[in-house]
Amino acid sequence: MFKLEIEQGKKRNSKIFRIGDYTYYQSSIAKGVIYLKCSNFQRGCRSRALVNNGEVKVTHRRHNHVIESSEREVTELKNSLKEEAITSKLPLREIFDEVCNRSSYGNHVSVKSERLLGSFIERPI
């Protein structure tokens, strides 16, 4: 049996489904079954999975790519930035610096990401 983790996706109200070390996006829902496809689907990976009553079944296991070790850290960093920006009243620059300093991956993030942070909330940078 596979362990399923659900994380906030890049877009508002989207989800990333993590099964093992790979990530999937929702393809469709039919009769309570969530159909997933690999997050690298557009780059040719045809791995698929489905979630039915909380049970995960990988229907096509073979991935045509290796796992990017930093993918999870980047997702966690982005989610932390979003959450802090929404809940904190600090200026976005301070939030950005603070969250990046706490993260092991934070020194790989550019100021361009800070501008993207402003697009998640309704306040100026």
PDB file of N, CA and C in Angstrom:
ATOM      1  N   MET A   1       0.846  -1.196   0.000  1.00  0.00           N
ATOM      2  CA  MET A   1       0.000   0.000   0.000  1.00  0.00           C
ATOM      3  C   MET A   1       0.879   1.244   0.000  1.00  0.00           C
ATOM      4  N   PHE A   2       0.455   2.247  -0.707  1.00  0.00           N
ATOM      5  CA  PHE A   2       1.221   3.475  -0.852  1.00  0.00           C
ATOM      6  C   PHE A   2       0.739   4.525   0.127  1.00  0.00           C
ATOM      7  N   LYS A   3       1.679   5.327   0.631  1.00  0.00           N
ATOM      8  CA  LYS A   3       1.338   6.419   1.532  1.00  0.00           C
ATOM      9  C   LYS A   3       1.022   7.657   0.696  1.00  0.00           C
ATOM     10  N   LEU A   4      -0.100   8.287   0.991  1.00  0.00           N
ATOM     11  CA  LEU A   4      -0.537   9.473   0.263  1.00  0.00           C
ATOM     12  C   LEU A   4      -0.434  10.686   1.165  1.00  0.00           C
ATOM     13  N   GLU A   5       0.209  11.736   0.655  1.00  0.00           N
ATOM     14  CA  GLU A   5       0.248  13.029   1.331  1.00  0.00           C
ATOM     15  C   GLU A   5      -0.347  14.053   0.377  1.00  0.00           C
ATOM     16  N   ILE A   6      -1.140  14.959   0.907  1.00  0.00           N
ATOM     17  CA  ILE A   6      -1.750  15.992   0.082  1.00  0.00           C
ATOM     18  C   ILE A   6      -1.224  17.341   0.547  1.00  0.00           C
ATOM     19  N   GLU A   7      -0.696  18.113  -0.403  1.00  0.00           N
ATOM     20  CA  GLU A   7      -0.120  19.420  -0.109  1.00  0.00           C
ATOM     21  C   GLU A   7      -0.823  20.479  -0.940  1.00  0.00           C
ATOM     22  N   GLN A   8      -0.656  21.716  -0.540  1.00  0.00           N
ATOM     23  CA  GLN A   8      -1.209  22.820  -1.308  1.00  0.00           C
ATOM     24  C   GLN A   8      -0.414  22.956  -2.598  1.00  0.00           C
ATOM     25  N   GLY A   9      -1.110  23.124  -3.714  1.00  0.00           N
ATOM     26  CA  GLY A   9      -0.458  23.261  -5.003  1.00  0.00           C
ATOM     27  C   GLY A   9       0.015  24.667  -5.273  1.00  0.00           C
ATOM     28  N   LYS A  10       0.560  24.868  -6.450  1.00  0.00           N
ATOM     29  CA  LYS A  10       1.081  26.179  -6.830  1.00  0.00           C
ATOM     30  C   LYS A  10      -0.034  27.191  -7.068  1.00  0.00           C
ATOM     31  N   LYS A  11      -1.126  26.739  -7.633  1.00  0.00           N
ATOM     32  CA  LYS A  11      -2.248  27.623  -7.910  1.00  0.00           C
ATOM     33  C   LYS A  11      -3.238  27.600  -6.754  1.00  0.00           C
ATOM     34  N   ARG A  12      -4.000  28.650  -6.636  1.00  0.00           N
ATOM     35  CA  ARG A  12      -4.993  28.764  -5.571  1.00  0.00           C
ATOM     36  C   ARG A  12      -5.982  27.600  -5.649  1.00  0.00           C
ATOM     37  N   ASN A  13      -6.278  26.993  -4.532  1.00  0.00           N
ATOM     38  CA  ASN A  13      -7.213  25.868  -4.398  1.00  0.00           C
ATOM     39  C   ASN A  13      -6.778  24.612  -5.140  1.00  0.00           C
ATOM     40  N   SER A  14      -5.505  24.507  -5.499  1.00  0.00           N
ATOM     41  CA  SER A  14      -5.033  23.286  -6.146  1.00  0.00           C
ATOM     42  C   SER A  14      -4.305  22.415  -5.123  1.00  0.00           C
ATOM     43  N   LYS A  15      -4.159  21.162  -5.452  1.00  0.00           N
ATOM     44  CA  LYS A  15      -3.520  20.216  -4.545  1.00  0.00           C
ATOM     45  C   LYS A  15      -2.443  19.434  -5.281  1.00  0.00           C
ATOM     46  N   ILE A  16      -1.409  19.088  -4.538  1.00  0.00           N
ATOM     47  CA  ILE A  16      -0.376  18.184  -5.025  1.00  0.00           C
ATOM     48  C   ILE A  16      -0.519  16.907  -4.217  1.00  0.00           C
ATOM     49  N   PHE A  17      -0.607  15.798  -4.895  1.00  0.00           N
ATOM     50  CA  PHE A  17      -0.718  14.499  -4.245  1.00  0.00           C
ATOM     51  C   PHE A  17       0.651  13.849  -4.304  1.00  0.00           C
ATOM     52  N   ARG A  18       1.231  13.566  -3.146  1.00  0.00           N
ATOM     53  CA  ARG A  18       2.548  12.945  -3.089  1.00  0.00           C
ATOM     54  C   ARG A  18       2.363  11.469  -2.738  1.00  0.00           C
ATOM     55  N   ILE A  19       2.825  10.617  -3.627  1.00  0.00           N
ATOM     56  CA  ILE A  19       2.787   9.171  -3.401  1.00  0.00           C
ATOM     57  C   ILE A  19       4.229   8.704  -3.451  1.00  0.00           C
ATOM     58  N   GLY A  20       4.727   8.282  -2.311  1.00  0.00           N
ATOM     59  CA  GLY A  20       6.150   7.952  -2.237  1.00  0.00           C
ATOM     60  C   GLY A  20       6.950   9.217  -2.467  1.00  0.00           C
ATOM     61  N   ASP A  21       7.886   9.160  -3.398  1.00  0.00           N
ATOM     62  CA  ASP A  21       8.730  10.319  -3.688  1.00  0.00           C
ATOM     63  C   ASP A  21       8.282  11.097  -4.916  1.00  0.00           C
ATOM     64  N   TYR A  22       7.179  10.701  -5.510  1.00  0.00           N
ATOM     65  CA  TYR A  22       6.697  11.351  -6.728  1.00  0.00           C
ATOM     66  C   TYR A  22       5.455  12.177  -6.444  1.00  0.00           C
ATOM     67  N   THR A  23       5.259  13.203  -7.270  1.00  0.00           N
ATOM     68  CA  THR A  23       4.083  14.055  -7.104  1.00  0.00           C
ATOM     69  C   THR A  23       3.134  13.869  -8.284  1.00  0.00           C
ATOM     70  N   TYR A  24       1.848  14.005  -7.968  1.00  0.00           N
ATOM     71  CA  TYR A  24       0.776  13.838  -8.955  1.00  0.00           C
ATOM     72  C   TYR A  24      -0.191  15.000  -8.832  1.00  0.00           C
ATOM     73  N   TYR A  25      -0.883  15.267  -9.933  1.00  0.00           N
ATOM     74  CA  TYR A  25      -1.945  16.264  -9.951  1.00  0.00           C
ATOM     75  C   TYR A  25      -3.258  15.579 -10.284  1.00  0.00           C
ATOM     76  N   GLN A  26      -4.341  16.168  -9.832  1.00  0.00           N
ATOM     77  CA  GLN A  26      -5.663  15.606 -10.102  1.00  0.00           C
ATOM     78  C   GLN A  26      -5.987  15.752 -11.578  1.00  0.00           C
ATOM     79  N   SER A  27      -6.335  14.648 -12.182  1.00  0.00           N
ATOM     80  CA  SER A  27      -6.730  14.648 -13.581  1.00  0.00           C
ATOM     81  C   SER A  27      -8.243  14.806 -13.693  1.00  0.00           C
ATOM     82  N   SER A  28      -8.976  14.016 -12.876  1.00  0.00           N
ATOM     83  CA  SER A  28     -10.440  14.092 -12.886  1.00  0.00           C
ATOM     84  C   SER A  28     -10.987  13.395 -11.643  1.00  0.00           C
ATOM     85  N   ILE A  29     -12.291  13.550 -11.441  1.00  0.00           N
ATOM     86  CA  ILE A  29     -13.004  12.848 -10.375  1.00  0.00           C
ATOM     87  C   ILE A  29     -14.256  12.251 -11.003  1.00  0.00           C
ATOM     88  N   ALA A  30     -14.490  10.978 -10.731  1.00  0.00           N
ATOM     89  CA  ALA A  30     -15.698  10.328 -11.237  1.00  0.00           C
ATOM     90  C   ALA A  30     -16.183   9.319 -10.202  1.00  0.00           C
ATOM     91  N   LYS A  31     -17.436   9.446  -9.795  1.00  0.00           N
ATOM     92  CA  LYS A  31     -18.049   8.535  -8.829  1.00  0.00           C
ATOM     93  C   LYS A  31     -17.220   8.385  -7.555  1.00  0.00           C
ATOM     94  N   GLY A  32     -16.687   9.506  -7.084  1.00  0.00           N
ATOM     95  CA  GLY A  32     -15.924   9.513  -5.844  1.00  0.00           C
ATOM     96  C   GLY A  32     -14.486   9.040  -5.969  1.00  0.00           C
ATOM     97  N   VAL A  33     -14.061   8.680  -7.163  1.00  0.00           N
ATOM     98  CA  VAL A  33     -12.690   8.235  -7.386  1.00  0.00           C
ATOM     99  C   VAL A  33     -11.891   9.407  -7.961  1.00  0.00           C
ATOM    100  N   ILE A  34     -10.743   9.705  -7.347  1.00  0.00           N
ATOM    101  CA  ILE A  34      -9.876  10.781  -7.813  1.00  0.00           C
ATOM    102  C   ILE A  34      -8.800  10.159  -8.702  1.00  0.00           C
ATOM    103  N   TYR A  35      -8.747  10.595  -9.941  1.00  0.00           N
ATOM    104  CA  TYR A  35      -7.756  10.098 -10.889  1.00  0.00           C
ATOM    105  C   TYR A  35      -6.589  11.080 -10.941  1.00  0.00           C
ATOM    106  N   LEU A  36      -5.383  10.559 -10.829  1.00  0.00           N
ATOM    107  CA  LEU A  36      -4.182  11.386 -10.768  1.00  0.00           C
ATOM    108  C   LEU A  36      -3.243  11.064 -11.924  1.00  0.00           C
ATOM    109  N   LYS A  37      -2.470  12.075 -12.321  1.00  0.00           N
ATOM    110  CA  LYS A  37      -1.404  11.831 -13.285  1.00  0.00           C
ATOM    111  C   LYS A  37      -0.132  12.490 -12.763  1.00  0.00           C
ATOM    112  N   CYS A  38       0.987  11.931 -13.155  1.00  0.00           N
ATOM    113  CA  CYS A  38       2.284  12.411 -12.691  1.00  0.00           C
ATOM    114  C   CYS A  38       2.436  13.897 -12.988  1.00  0.00           C
ATOM    115  N   SER A  39       3.101  14.609 -12.096  1.00  0.00           N
ATOM    116  CA  SER A  39       3.307  16.040 -12.297  1.00  0.00           C
ATOM    117  C   SER A  39       4.202  16.320 -13.508  1.00  0.00           C
ATOM    118  N   ASN A  40       4.902  15.310 -14.002  1.00  0.00           N
ATOM    119  CA  ASN A  40       5.720  15.456 -15.208  1.00  0.00           C
ATOM    120  C   ASN A  40       4.996  14.920 -16.442  1.00  0.00           C
ATOM    121  N   PHE A  41       3.685  14.846 -16.389  1.00  0.00           N
ATOM    122  CA  PHE A  41       2.887  14.309 -17.491  1.00  0.00           C
ATOM    123  C   PHE A  41       3.140  15.073 -18.790  1.00  0.00           C
ATOM    124  N   GLN A  42       3.214  16.385 -18.711  1.00  0.00           N
ATOM    125  CA  GLN A  42       3.425  17.197 -19.915  1.00  0.00           C
ATOM    126  C   GLN A  42       4.809  16.999 -20.510  1.00  0.00           C
ATOM    127  N   ARG A  43       5.712  16.448 -19.715  1.00  0.00           N
ATOM    128  CA  ARG A  43       7.055  16.145 -20.220  1.00  0.00           C
ATOM    129  C   ARG A  43       7.182  14.678 -20.605  1.00  0.00           C
ATOM    130  N   GLY A  44       6.048  13.981 -20.715  1.00  0.00           N
ATOM    131  CA  GLY A  44       6.053  12.627 -21.243  1.00  0.00           C
ATOM    132  C   GLY A  44       5.924  11.491 -20.253  1.00  0.00           C
ATOM    133  N   CYS A  45       5.864  11.770 -18.966  1.00  0.00           N
ATOM    134  CA  CYS A  45       5.714  10.692 -17.984  1.00  0.00           C
ATOM    135  C   CYS A  45       4.247  10.246 -17.957  1.00  0.00           C
ATOM    136  N   ARG A  46       4.017   8.974 -18.061  1.00  0.00           N
ATOM    137  CA  ARG A  46       2.654   8.461 -18.120  1.00  0.00           C
ATOM    138  C   ARG A  46       2.225   7.736 -16.853  1.00  0.00           C
ATOM    139  N   SER A  47       2.961   7.924 -15.752  1.00  0.00           N
ATOM    140  CA  SER A  47       2.558   7.292 -14.507  1.00  0.00           C
ATOM    141  C   SER A  47       1.226   7.861 -14.043  1.00  0.00           C
ATOM    142  N   ARG A  48       0.345   6.978 -13.588  1.00  0.00           N
ATOM    143  CA  ARG A  48      -0.980   7.385 -13.129  1.00  0.00           C
ATOM    144  C   ARG A  48      -1.323   6.661 -11.841  1.00  0.00           C
ATOM    145  N   ALA A  49      -2.273   7.236 -11.122  1.00  0.00           N
ATOM    146  CA  ALA A  49      -2.738   6.633  -9.875  1.00  0.00           C
ATOM    147  C   ALA A  49      -4.191   7.026  -9.674  1.00  0.00           C
ATOM    148  N   LEU A  50      -4.834   6.356  -8.728  1.00  0.00           N
ATOM    149  CA  LEU A  50      -6.188   6.742  -8.348  1.00  0.00           C
ATOM    150  C   LEU A  50      -6.357   6.587  -6.851  1.00  0.00           C
ATOM    151  N   VAL A  51      -7.261   7.387  -6.313  1.00  0.00           N
ATOM    152  CA  VAL A  51      -7.566   7.354  -4.880  1.00  0.00           C
ATOM    153  C   VAL A  51      -9.054   7.061  -4.758  1.00  0.00           C
ATOM    154  N   ASN A  52      -9.375   5.954  -4.087  1.00  0.00           N
ATOM    155  CA  ASN A  52     -10.761   5.536  -3.906  1.00  0.00           C
ATOM    156  C   ASN A  52     -10.965   5.217  -2.426  1.00  0.00           C
ATOM    157  N   ASN A  53     -11.824   5.995  -1.761  1.00  0.00           N
ATOM    158  CA  ASN A  53     -12.089   5.823  -0.328  1.00  0.00           C
ATOM    159  C   ASN A  53     -10.801   5.844   0.493  1.00  0.00           C
ATOM    160  N   GLY A  54      -9.888   6.741   0.149  1.00  0.00           N
ATOM    161  CA  GLY A  54      -8.645   6.884   0.881  1.00  0.00           C
ATOM    162  C   GLY A  54      -7.581   5.852   0.520  1.00  0.00           C
ATOM    163  N   GLU A  55      -7.919   4.896  -0.309  1.00  0.00           N
ATOM    164  CA  GLU A  55      -6.962   3.875  -0.715  1.00  0.00           C
ATOM    165  C   GLU A  55      -6.317   4.283  -2.032  1.00  0.00           C
ATOM    166  N   VAL A  56      -4.994   4.170  -2.091  1.00  0.00           N
ATOM    167  CA  VAL A  56      -4.232   4.592  -3.259  1.00  0.00           C
ATOM    168  C   VAL A  56      -3.848   3.378  -4.095  1.00  0.00           C
ATOM    169  N   LYS A  57      -4.051   3.511  -5.394  1.00  0.00           N
ATOM    170  CA  LYS A  57      -3.625   2.467  -6.313  1.00  0.00           C
ATOM    171  C   LYS A  57      -2.875   3.131  -7.459  1.00  0.00           C
ATOM    172  N   VAL A  58      -1.605   2.740  -7.638  1.00  0.00           N
ATOM    173  CA  VAL A  58      -0.823   3.259  -8.755  1.00  0.00           C
ATOM    174  C   VAL A  58      -1.094   2.343  -9.934  1.00  0.00           C
ATOM    175  N   THR A  59      -1.672   2.900 -10.980  1.00  0.00           N
ATOM    176  CA  THR A  59      -2.093   2.073 -12.110  1.00  0.00           C
ATOM    177  C   THR A  59      -1.003   1.909 -13.162  1.00  0.00           C
ATOM    178  N   HIS A  60      -0.075   2.840 -13.209  1.00  0.00           N
ATOM    179  CA  HIS A  60       1.059   2.736 -14.129  1.00  0.00           C
ATOM    180  C   HIS A  60       2.259   3.263 -13.361  1.00  0.00           C
ATOM    181  N   ARG A  61       3.112   2.374 -12.885  1.00  0.00           N
ATOM    182  CA  ARG A  61       4.195   2.751 -11.976  1.00  0.00           C
ATOM    183  C   ARG A  61       5.415   3.361 -12.638  1.00  0.00           C
ATOM    184  N   ARG A  62       5.678   3.032 -13.850  1.00  0.00           N
ATOM    185  CA  ARG A  62       6.937   3.432 -14.466  1.00  0.00           C
ATOM    186  C   ARG A  62       6.969   4.926 -14.748  1.00  0.00           C
ATOM    187  N   HIS A  63       7.955   5.585 -14.157  1.00  0.00           N
ATOM    188  CA  HIS A  63       8.198   7.000 -14.423  1.00  0.00           C
ATOM    189  C   HIS A  63       9.360   7.089 -15.400  1.00  0.00           C
ATOM    190  N   ASN A  64       9.371   8.096 -16.242  1.00  0.00           N
ATOM    191  CA  ASN A  64      10.469   8.255 -17.196  1.00  0.00           C
ATOM    192  C   ASN A  64      11.460   9.323 -16.742  1.00  0.00           C
ATOM    193  N   HIS A  65      11.482   9.617 -15.454  1.00  0.00           N
ATOM    194  CA  HIS A  65      12.348  10.663 -14.925  1.00  0.00           C
ATOM    195  C   HIS A  65      12.808  10.288 -13.524  1.00  0.00           C
ATOM    196  N   VAL A  66      13.855  10.937 -13.078  1.00  0.00           N
ATOM    197  CA  VAL A  66      14.338  10.716 -11.718  1.00  0.00           C
ATOM    198  C   VAL A  66      13.647  11.703 -10.798  1.00  0.00           C
ATOM    199  N   ILE A  67      13.713  11.432  -9.526  1.00  0.00           N
ATOM    200  CA  ILE A  67      13.102  12.303  -8.521  1.00  0.00           C
ATOM    201  C   ILE A  67      14.035  13.481  -8.273  1.00  0.00           C
ATOM    202  N   GLU A  68      13.486  14.666  -8.307  1.00  0.00           N
ATOM    203  CA  GLU A  68      14.284  15.829  -7.950  1.00  0.00           C
ATOM    204  C   GLU A  68      14.241  15.971  -6.441  1.00  0.00           C
ATOM    205  N   SER A  69      15.411  15.848  -5.819  1.00  0.00           N
ATOM    206  CA  SER A  69      15.468  15.849  -4.357  1.00  0.00           C
ATOM    207  C   SER A  69      14.988  17.163  -3.753  1.00  0.00           C
ATOM    208  N   SER A  70      15.117  18.249  -4.493  1.00  0.00           N
ATOM    209  CA  SER A  70      14.743  19.552  -3.947  1.00  0.00           C
ATOM    210  C   SER A  70      13.257  19.867  -4.120  1.00  0.00           C
ATOM    211  N   GLU A  71      12.520  19.062  -4.859  1.00  0.00           N
ATOM    212  CA  GLU A  71      11.122  19.368  -5.174  1.00  0.00           C
ATOM    213  C   GLU A  71      10.274  19.556  -3.916  1.00  0.00           C
ATOM    214  N   ARG A  72      10.426  18.649  -2.963  1.00  0.00           N
ATOM    215  CA  ARG A  72       9.650  18.747  -1.732  1.00  0.00           C
ATOM    216  C   ARG A  72      10.021  19.996  -0.943  1.00  0.00           C
ATOM    217  N   GLU A  73      11.320  20.289  -0.853  1.00  0.00           N
ATOM    218  CA  GLU A  73      11.759  21.460  -0.096  1.00  0.00           C
ATOM    219  C   GLU A  73      11.238  22.757  -0.706  1.00  0.00           C
ATOM    220  N   VAL A  74      11.221  22.828  -2.027  1.00  0.00           N
ATOM    221  CA  VAL A  74      10.719  24.017  -2.709  1.00  0.00           C
ATOM    222  C   VAL A  74       9.233  24.187  -2.434  1.00  0.00           C
ATOM    223  N   THR A  75       8.474  23.103  -2.515  1.00  0.00           N
ATOM    224  CA  THR A  75       7.033  23.165  -2.244  1.00  0.00           C
ATOM    225  C   THR A  75       6.776  23.609  -0.813  1.00  0.00           C
ATOM    226  N   GLU A  76       7.509  23.048   0.142  1.00  0.00           N
ATOM    227  CA  GLU A  76       7.334  23.426   1.546  1.00  0.00           C
ATOM    228  C   GLU A  76       7.683  24.894   1.766  1.00  0.00           C
ATOM    229  N   LEU A  77       8.754  25.359   1.119  1.00  0.00           N
ATOM    230  CA  LEU A  77       9.154  26.758   1.249  1.00  0.00           C
ATOM    231  C   LEU A  77       8.070  27.684   0.698  1.00  0.00           C
ATOM    232  N   LYS A  78       7.556  27.377  -0.475  1.00  0.00           N
ATOM    233  CA  LYS A  78       6.502  28.208  -1.071  1.00  0.00           C
ATOM    234  C   LYS A  78       5.251  28.232  -0.203  1.00  0.00           C
ATOM    235  N   ASN A  79       4.871  27.074   0.337  1.00  0.00           N
ATOM    236  CA  ASN A  79       3.690  27.027   1.191  1.00  0.00           C
ATOM    237  C   ASN A  79       3.896  27.822   2.472  1.00  0.00           C
ATOM    238  N   SER A  80       5.107  27.768   3.037  1.00  0.00           N
ATOM    239  CA  SER A  80       5.403  28.557   4.239  1.00  0.00           C
ATOM    240  C   SER A  80       5.328  30.045   3.933  1.00  0.00           C
ATOM    241  N   LEU A  81       5.861  30.441   2.788  1.00  0.00           N
ATOM    242  CA  LEU A  81       5.801  31.858   2.394  1.00  0.00           C
ATOM    243  C   LEU A  81       4.358  32.323   2.232  1.00  0.00           C
ATOM    244  N   LYS A  82       3.546  31.521   1.568  1.00  0.00           N
ATOM    245  CA  LYS A  82       2.130  31.873   1.379  1.00  0.00           C
ATOM    246  C   LYS A  82       1.429  32.029   2.723  1.00  0.00           C
ATOM    247  N   GLU A  83       1.613  31.057   3.597  1.00  0.00           N
ATOM    248  CA  GLU A  83       0.929  31.070   4.890  1.00  0.00           C
ATOM    249  C   GLU A  83       1.340  32.278   5.720  1.00  0.00           C
ATOM    250  N   GLU A  84       2.641  32.544   5.778  1.00  0.00           N
ATOM    251  CA  GLU A  84       3.125  33.692   6.546  1.00  0.00           C
ATOM    252  C   GLU A  84       2.602  35.008   5.965  1.00  0.00           C
ATOM    253  N   ALA A  85       2.580  35.110   4.643  1.00  0.00           N
ATOM    254  CA  ALA A  85       2.125  36.344   4.001  1.00  0.00           C
ATOM    255  C   ALA A  85       0.658  36.625   4.297  1.00  0.00           C
ATOM    256  N   ILE A  86      -0.123  35.577   4.398  1.00  0.00           N
ATOM    257  CA  ILE A  86      -1.551  35.745   4.658  1.00  0.00           C
ATOM    258  C   ILE A  86      -1.818  36.063   6.125  1.00  0.00           C
ATOM    259  N   THR A  87      -1.064  35.434   7.031  1.00  0.00           N
ATOM    260  CA  THR A  87      -1.357  35.572   8.462  1.00  0.00           C
ATOM    261  C   THR A  87      -0.572  36.685   9.158  1.00  0.00           C
ATOM    262  N   SER A  88       0.549  37.096   8.599  1.00  0.00           N
ATOM    263  CA  SER A  88       1.392  38.086   9.261  1.00  0.00           C
ATOM    264  C   SER A  88       1.113  39.492   8.730  1.00  0.00           C
ATOM    265  N   LYS A  89       1.372  40.475   9.569  1.00  0.00           N
ATOM    266  CA  LYS A  89       1.222  41.863   9.155  1.00  0.00           C
ATOM    267  C   LYS A  89       2.574  42.496   8.837  1.00  0.00           C
ATOM    268  N   LEU A  90       3.633  41.699   8.892  1.00  0.00           N
ATOM    269  CA  LEU A  90       4.969  42.196   8.565  1.00  0.00           C
ATOM    270  C   LEU A  90       5.053  42.532   7.075  1.00  0.00           C
ATOM    271  N   PRO A  91       5.969  43.418   6.708  1.00  0.00           N
ATOM    272  CA  PRO A  91       6.183  43.686   5.281  1.00  0.00           C
ATOM    273  C   PRO A  91       6.646  42.397   4.582  1.00  0.00           C
ATOM    274  N   LEU A  92       6.283  42.267   3.316  1.00  0.00           N
ATOM    275  CA  LEU A  92       6.604  41.043   2.594  1.00  0.00           C
ATOM    276  C   LEU A  92       8.103  40.772   2.522  1.00  0.00           C
ATOM    277  N   ARG A  93       8.900  41.814   2.421  1.00  0.00           N
ATOM    278  CA  ARG A  93      10.361  41.617   2.382  1.00  0.00           C
ATOM    279  C   ARG A  93      10.842  40.927   3.663  1.00  0.00           C
ATOM    280  N   GLU A  94      10.344  41.348   4.811  1.00  0.00           N
ATOM    281  CA  GLU A  94      10.734  40.734   6.084  1.00  0.00           C
ATOM    282  C   GLU A  94      10.251  39.288   6.180  1.00  0.00           C
ATOM    283  N   ILE A  95       9.029  39.040   5.733  1.00  0.00           N
ATOM    284  CA  ILE A  95       8.498  37.671   5.725  1.00  0.00           C
ATOM    285  C   ILE A  95       9.372  36.791   4.840  1.00  0.00           C
ATOM    286  N   PHE A  96       9.683  37.302   3.662  1.00  0.00           N
ATOM    287  CA  PHE A  96      10.499  36.560   2.710  1.00  0.00           C
ATOM    288  C   PHE A  96      11.858  36.197   3.326  1.00  0.00           C
ATOM    289  N   ASP A  97      12.529  37.191   3.886  1.00  0.00           N
ATOM    290  CA  ASP A  97      13.847  36.953   4.485  1.00  0.00           C
ATOM    291  C   ASP A  97      13.771  35.984   5.657  1.00  0.00           C
ATOM    292  N   GLU A  98      12.771  36.162   6.513  1.00  0.00           N
ATOM    293  CA  GLU A  98      12.621  35.329   7.703  1.00  0.00           C
ATOM    294  C   GLU A  98      12.357  33.859   7.345  1.00  0.00           C
ATOM    295  N   VAL A  99      11.413  33.634   6.431  1.00  0.00           N
ATOM    296  CA  VAL A  99      11.059  32.261   6.040  1.00  0.00           C
ATOM    297  C   VAL A  99      12.226  31.600   5.310  1.00  0.00           C
ATOM    298  N   CYS A 100      12.896  32.335   4.437  1.00  0.00           N
ATOM    299  CA  CYS A 100      14.041  31.765   3.710  1.00  0.00           C
ATOM    300  C   CYS A 100      15.189  31.427   4.649  1.00  0.00           C
ATOM    301  N   ASN A 101      15.403  32.238   5.678  1.00  0.00           N
ATOM    302  CA  ASN A 101      16.460  31.948   6.647  1.00  0.00           C
ATOM    303  C   ASN A 101      16.163  30.687   7.448  1.00  0.00           C
ATOM    304  N   ARG A 102      14.887  30.408   7.702  1.00  0.00           N
ATOM    305  CA  ARG A 102      14.502  29.198   8.449  1.00  0.00           C
ATOM    306  C   ARG A 102      14.602  27.938   7.598  1.00  0.00           C
ATOM    307  N   SER A 103      14.520  28.094   6.287  1.00  0.00           N
ATOM    308  CA  SER A 103      14.467  26.951   5.385  1.00  0.00           C
ATOM    309  C   SER A 103      15.862  26.521   4.947  1.00  0.00           C
ATOM    310  N   SER A 104      16.056  25.199   4.838  1.00  0.00           N
ATOM    311  CA  SER A 104      17.334  24.691   4.347  1.00  0.00           C
ATOM    312  C   SER A 104      17.508  24.994   2.861  1.00  0.00           C
ATOM    313  N   TYR A 105      16.415  25.279   2.175  1.00  0.00           N
ATOM    314  CA  TYR A 105      16.474  25.556   0.743  1.00  0.00           C
ATOM    315  C   TYR A 105      16.369  27.050   0.456  1.00  0.00           C
ATOM    316  N   GLY A 106      16.198  27.858   1.474  1.00  0.00           N
ATOM    317  CA  GLY A 106      15.948  29.281   1.313  1.00  0.00           C
ATOM    318  C   GLY A 106      17.022  30.058   0.609  1.00  0.00           C
ATOM    319  N   ASN A 107      18.284  29.603   0.687  1.00  0.00           N
ATOM    320  CA  ASN A 107      19.351  30.355   0.033  1.00  0.00           C
ATOM    321  C   ASN A 107      19.369  30.137  -1.479  1.00  0.00           C
ATOM    322  N   HIS A 108      18.493  29.276  -2.006  1.00  0.00           N
ATOM    323  CA  HIS A 108      18.390  29.034  -3.439  1.00  0.00           C
ATOM    324  C   HIS A 108      17.243  29.827  -4.078  1.00  0.00           C
ATOM    325  N   VAL A 109      16.616  30.701  -3.305  1.00  0.00           N
ATOM    326  CA  VAL A 109      15.434  31.421  -3.771  1.00  0.00           C
ATOM    327  C   VAL A 109      15.821  32.840  -4.142  1.00  0.00           C
ATOM    328  N   SER A 110      15.252  33.346  -5.222  1.00  0.00           N
ATOM    329  CA  SER A 110      15.582  34.689  -5.693  1.00  0.00           C
ATOM    330  C   SER A 110      14.538  35.703  -5.232  1.00  0.00           C
ATOM    331  N   VAL A 111      14.856  36.967  -5.405  1.00  0.00           N
ATOM    332  CA  VAL A 111      13.925  38.045  -5.056  1.00  0.00           C
ATOM    333  C   VAL A 111      12.703  37.994  -5.967  1.00  0.00           C
ATOM    334  N   LYS A 112      12.848  37.432  -7.150  1.00  0.00           N
ATOM    335  CA  LYS A 112      11.703  37.266  -8.051  1.00  0.00           C
ATOM    336  C   LYS A 112      10.585  36.515  -7.336  1.00  0.00           C
ATOM    337  N   SER A 113      10.949  35.545  -6.506  1.00  0.00           N
ATOM    338  CA  SER A 113       9.958  34.779  -5.754  1.00  0.00           C
ATOM    339  C   SER A 113       9.204  35.677  -4.777  1.00  0.00           C
ATOM    340  N   GLU A 114       9.895  36.688  -4.251  1.00  0.00           N
ATOM    341  CA  GLU A 114       9.235  37.612  -3.329  1.00  0.00           C
ATOM    342  C   GLU A 114       8.113  38.359  -4.046  1.00  0.00           C
ATOM    343  N   ARG A 115       8.342  38.733  -5.282  1.00  0.00           N
ATOM    344  CA  ARG A 115       7.300  39.436  -6.036  1.00  0.00           C
ATOM    345  C   ARG A 115       6.106  38.524  -6.278  1.00  0.00           C
ATOM    346  N   LEU A 116       6.381  37.247  -6.520  1.00  0.00           N
ATOM    347  CA  LEU A 116       5.289  36.293  -6.684  1.00  0.00           C
ATOM    348  C   LEU A 116       4.480  36.176  -5.408  1.00  0.00           C
ATOM    349  N   LEU A 117       5.150  36.293  -4.276  1.00  0.00           N
ATOM    350  CA  LEU A 117       4.478  36.226  -2.989  1.00  0.00           C
ATOM    351  C   LEU A 117       3.385  37.288  -2.902  1.00  0.00           C
ATOM    352  N   GLY A 118       3.655  38.478  -3.442  1.00  0.00           N
ATOM    353  CA  GLY A 118       2.680  39.551  -3.426  1.00  0.00           C
ATOM    354  C   GLY A 118       1.421  39.221  -4.216  1.00  0.00           C
ATOM    355  N   SER A 119       1.541  38.317  -5.160  1.00  0.00           N
ATOM    356  CA  SER A 119       0.364  37.962  -5.969  1.00  0.00           C
ATOM    357  C   SER A 119      -0.596  37.038  -5.214  1.00  0.00           C
ATOM    358  N   PHE A 120      -0.146  36.443  -4.109  1.00  0.00           N
ATOM    359  CA  PHE A 120      -1.002  35.552  -3.340  1.00  0.00           C
ATOM    360  C   PHE A 120      -1.918  36.299  -2.383  1.00  0.00           C
ATOM    361  N   ILE A 121      -1.548  37.530  -2.061  1.00  0.00           N
ATOM    362  CA  ILE A 121      -2.333  38.305  -1.106  1.00  0.00           C
ATOM    363  C   ILE A 121      -2.625  39.676  -1.697  1.00  0.00           C
ATOM    364  N   GLU A 122      -3.531  40.380  -1.075  1.00  0.00           N
ATOM    365  CA  GLU A 122      -3.963  41.679  -1.583  1.00  0.00           C
ATOM    366  C   GLU A 122      -3.305  42.798  -0.786  1.00  0.00           C
ATOM    367  N   ARG A 123      -1.984  42.904  -0.911  1.00  0.00           N
ATOM    368  CA  ARG A 123      -1.311  44.050  -0.312  1.00  0.00           C
ATOM    369  C   ARG A 123      -0.004  44.299  -1.051  1.00  0.00           C
ATOM    370  N   PRO A 124       0.473  45.536  -1.060  1.00  0.00           N
ATOM    371  CA  PRO A 124       1.683  45.847  -1.823  1.00  0.00           C
ATOM    372  C   PRO A 124       2.929  45.282  -1.152  1.00  0.00           C
ATOM    373  N   ILE A 125       3.978  45.092  -1.969  1.00  0.00           N
ATOM    374  CA  ILE A 125       5.273  44.624  -1.466  1.00  0.00           C
ATOM    375  C   ILE A 125       5.896  45.766  -0.761  1.00  0.00           C
TER     376      ILE A 125
END
